[in-house]
Amino acid sequence: MNEVFVQQTAIRRGLIMKRVYLFIFVIVFIISGHLMFGYEDYKNLKAENGVMNLENIDFDSSKTIKLQGKWKFYWEELLTPKEIAKKTTSGTMVFPGIWTENGKSTTGYATYKLTIFLKNGRYGLRIPSMDSTYKLYINNKDAVENGKVGKS
């Protein structure tokens, strides 16, 4: 089981929708050490309630899978993996998606969580450059940080 946690903060009001959309839309999960193209076989695969089971996927034939669907979502909370483990409830947010389409403000911050079930192996995560701050945890460890995540 692998868990991905993302904390994100919007700093300027007018850019939040653009930032969130870019952040959500461009995260692509690259499976195996090969950088081949194609996720056509699995483009309709979606997370449900913050879980994505990829244990039965043949990654030798399909190298890229989008981490799309319903992720666990903690609005206006910046949580570490340890803090999330203590939570008993969460909402969900369609990923990729835009906060305002789900009744949220154009400014704010949140924590997203996705648990991914995989067979043992070597995997990669592709995160293109984006104009937003975030902190990414993989298996409860800091993996990547872009800027300094905060509440303002």
Protein backbone atom coordinates (compact mmCIF):
# COMPACT_ATOMS: atom_id res chain seq x y z
CA MET A 1 0.00 0.00 0.00
CA ASN A 2 1.35 3.40 -0.96
CA GLU A 3 -0.14 6.66 0.22
CA VAL A 4 0.16 10.01 -1.45
CA PHE A 5 -0.55 13.16 0.56
CA VAL A 6 -0.56 16.59 -0.95
CA GLN A 7 -0.82 19.90 0.85
CA GLN A 8 -1.59 22.91 -1.27
CA THR A 9 -1.91 26.63 -0.58
CA ALA A 10 -3.11 29.45 -2.78
CA ILE A 11 -1.39 32.75 -2.21
CA ARG A 12 -2.99 35.16 -4.65
CA ARG A 13 -6.76 35.31 -5.13
CA GLY A 14 -6.93 35.44 -8.92
CA LEU A 15 -4.57 32.51 -9.48
CA ILE A 16 -6.13 29.91 -7.18
CA MET A 17 -8.41 28.36 -9.78
CA LYS A 18 -5.60 28.23 -12.33
CA ARG A 19 -3.17 26.82 -9.78
CA VAL A 20 -5.53 24.16 -8.48
CA TYR A 21 -6.57 23.16 -11.97
CA LEU A 22 -2.93 22.87 -13.09
CA PHE A 23 -1.96 20.98 -9.95
CA ILE A 24 -4.78 18.50 -10.26
CA PHE A 25 -4.69 18.08 -13.99
CA VAL A 26 -0.99 17.56 -14.53
CA ILE A 27 -0.05 15.00 -11.91
CA VAL A 28 0.56 11.81 -13.83
CA PHE A 29 1.68 8.55 -12.32
CA ILE A 30 4.47 6.89 -14.35
CA ILE A 31 4.56 3.18 -13.70
CA SER A 32 7.84 1.18 -13.94
CA GLY A 33 11.22 2.59 -14.85
CA HIS A 34 10.25 2.92 -18.51
CA LEU A 35 9.12 6.29 -19.82
CA MET A 36 6.87 4.95 -22.54
CA PHE A 37 3.72 6.70 -23.68
CA GLY A 38 0.16 5.51 -23.42
CA TYR A 39 -2.46 5.16 -20.76
CA GLU A 40 -5.28 4.36 -23.17
CA ASP A 41 -6.02 0.97 -21.63
CA TYR A 42 -6.57 2.51 -18.22
CA LYS A 43 -7.78 6.04 -18.92
CA ASN A 44 -11.15 5.32 -17.31
CA LEU A 45 -9.59 3.91 -14.13
CA LYS A 46 -10.63 6.14 -11.22
CA ALA A 47 -10.01 6.42 -7.50
CA GLU A 48 -13.03 5.98 -5.22
CA ASN A 49 -13.19 7.47 -1.72
CA GLY A 50 -9.45 8.15 -1.75
CA VAL A 51 -8.37 4.65 -2.82
CA MET A 52 -6.97 3.40 -6.11
CA ASN A 53 -6.26 -0.32 -6.50
CA LEU A 54 -3.65 -0.97 -9.18
CA GLU A 55 -2.56 -4.42 -8.01
CA ASN A 56 -4.02 -6.19 -11.06
CA ILE A 57 -2.67 -3.79 -13.67
CA ASP A 58 -0.16 -5.14 -16.20
CA PHE A 59 2.34 -2.31 -16.17
CA ASP A 60 4.44 -3.95 -18.86
CA SER A 61 1.77 -3.10 -21.42
CA SER A 62 0.64 0.29 -20.05
CA LYS A 63 3.21 2.61 -18.59
CA THR A 64 1.21 5.65 -17.48
CA ILE A 65 -1.85 5.91 -15.26
CA LYS A 66 -3.58 9.14 -14.30
CA LEU A 67 -4.32 9.52 -10.61
CA GLN A 68 -7.88 10.68 -11.21
CA GLY A 69 -11.14 10.17 -9.39
CA LYS A 70 -12.38 10.93 -5.89
CA TRP A 71 -9.52 11.69 -3.50
CA LYS A 72 -9.98 12.27 0.22
CA PHE A 73 -10.10 16.00 0.78
CA TYR A 74 -9.57 18.12 3.90
CA TRP A 75 -10.64 21.71 3.16
CA GLU A 76 -8.71 24.44 4.99
CA GLU A 77 -6.58 21.87 6.81
CA LEU A 78 -2.86 21.32 6.22
CA LEU A 79 -2.30 17.84 7.61
CA THR A 80 0.71 15.57 7.87
CA PRO A 81 0.28 11.83 7.27
CA LYS A 82 0.31 11.25 11.06
CA GLU A 83 -2.47 13.81 11.55
CA ILE A 84 -4.57 12.28 8.77
CA ALA A 85 -4.21 8.83 10.36
CA LYS A 86 -5.96 10.20 13.47
CA LYS A 87 -8.87 11.68 11.47
CA THR A 88 -12.11 9.73 11.44
CA THR A 89 -13.86 11.68 8.67
CA SER A 90 -13.01 13.41 5.44
CA GLY A 91 -14.73 14.72 2.38
CA THR A 92 -13.88 13.79 -1.19
CA MET A 93 -12.94 15.95 -4.15
CA VAL A 94 -12.85 14.94 -7.79
CA PHE A 95 -9.26 15.00 -8.98
CA PRO A 96 -8.63 16.68 -11.38
CA GLY A 97 -11.16 19.35 -10.60
CA ILE A 98 -11.64 22.92 -9.47
CA TRP A 99 -12.52 23.85 -5.89
CA THR A 100 -15.14 26.41 -6.88
CA GLU A 101 -17.07 23.76 -8.82
CA ASN A 102 -17.57 22.05 -5.47
CA GLY A 103 -18.75 25.12 -3.55
CA LYS A 104 -15.36 26.14 -2.18
CA SER A 105 -13.87 29.64 -2.16
CA THR A 106 -11.50 30.82 -4.89
CA THR A 107 -8.84 31.19 -2.20
CA GLY A 108 -7.89 28.65 0.39
CA TYR A 109 -5.80 25.62 1.16
CA ALA A 110 -6.42 21.92 1.53
CA THR A 111 -4.90 18.48 1.93
CA TYR A 112 -5.63 15.74 -0.58
CA LYS A 113 -4.98 12.06 0.13
CA LEU A 114 -4.86 9.07 -2.19
CA THR A 115 -4.00 5.53 -1.13
CA ILE A 116 -2.65 3.41 -3.98
CA PHE A 117 -2.41 -0.38 -3.83
CA LEU A 118 0.41 -1.74 -6.00
CA LYS A 119 2.35 -4.97 -6.44
CA ASN A 120 5.94 -4.85 -5.24
CA GLY A 121 8.07 -3.15 -7.84
CA ARG A 122 9.68 0.04 -8.91
CA TYR A 123 7.40 2.98 -9.70
CA GLY A 124 7.73 6.66 -10.49
CA LEU A 125 5.65 9.79 -10.16
CA ARG A 126 5.77 12.58 -12.73
CA ILE A 127 4.93 16.08 -11.50
CA PRO A 128 5.30 18.78 -14.16
CA SER A 129 6.31 22.30 -13.20
CA MET A 130 3.40 24.35 -11.86
CA ASP A 131 2.67 27.78 -10.44
CA SER A 132 1.45 26.64 -7.03
CA THR A 133 2.89 25.63 -3.68
CA TYR A 134 2.54 22.04 -2.55
CA LYS A 135 4.14 19.41 -0.36
CA LEU A 136 3.96 15.76 -1.42
CA TYR A 137 4.34 12.81 0.93
CA ILE A 138 4.83 9.24 -0.29
CA ASN A 139 4.55 6.42 2.23
CA ASN A 140 4.44 8.95 5.08
CA LYS A 141 7.74 10.56 4.06
CA ASP A 142 8.40 14.00 2.55
CA ALA A 143 9.00 13.43 -1.15
CA VAL A 144 8.77 16.80 -2.92
CA GLU A 145 8.03 20.38 -1.96
CA ASN A 146 7.37 23.36 -4.23
CA GLY A 147 7.55 26.61 -2.29
CA LYS A 148 6.42 26.86 1.32
CA VAL A 149 2.89 25.62 1.99
CA GLY A 150 0.96 27.90 4.34
CA LYS A 151 -2.45 29.28 5.18
CA SER A 152 -2.01 32.73 3.65
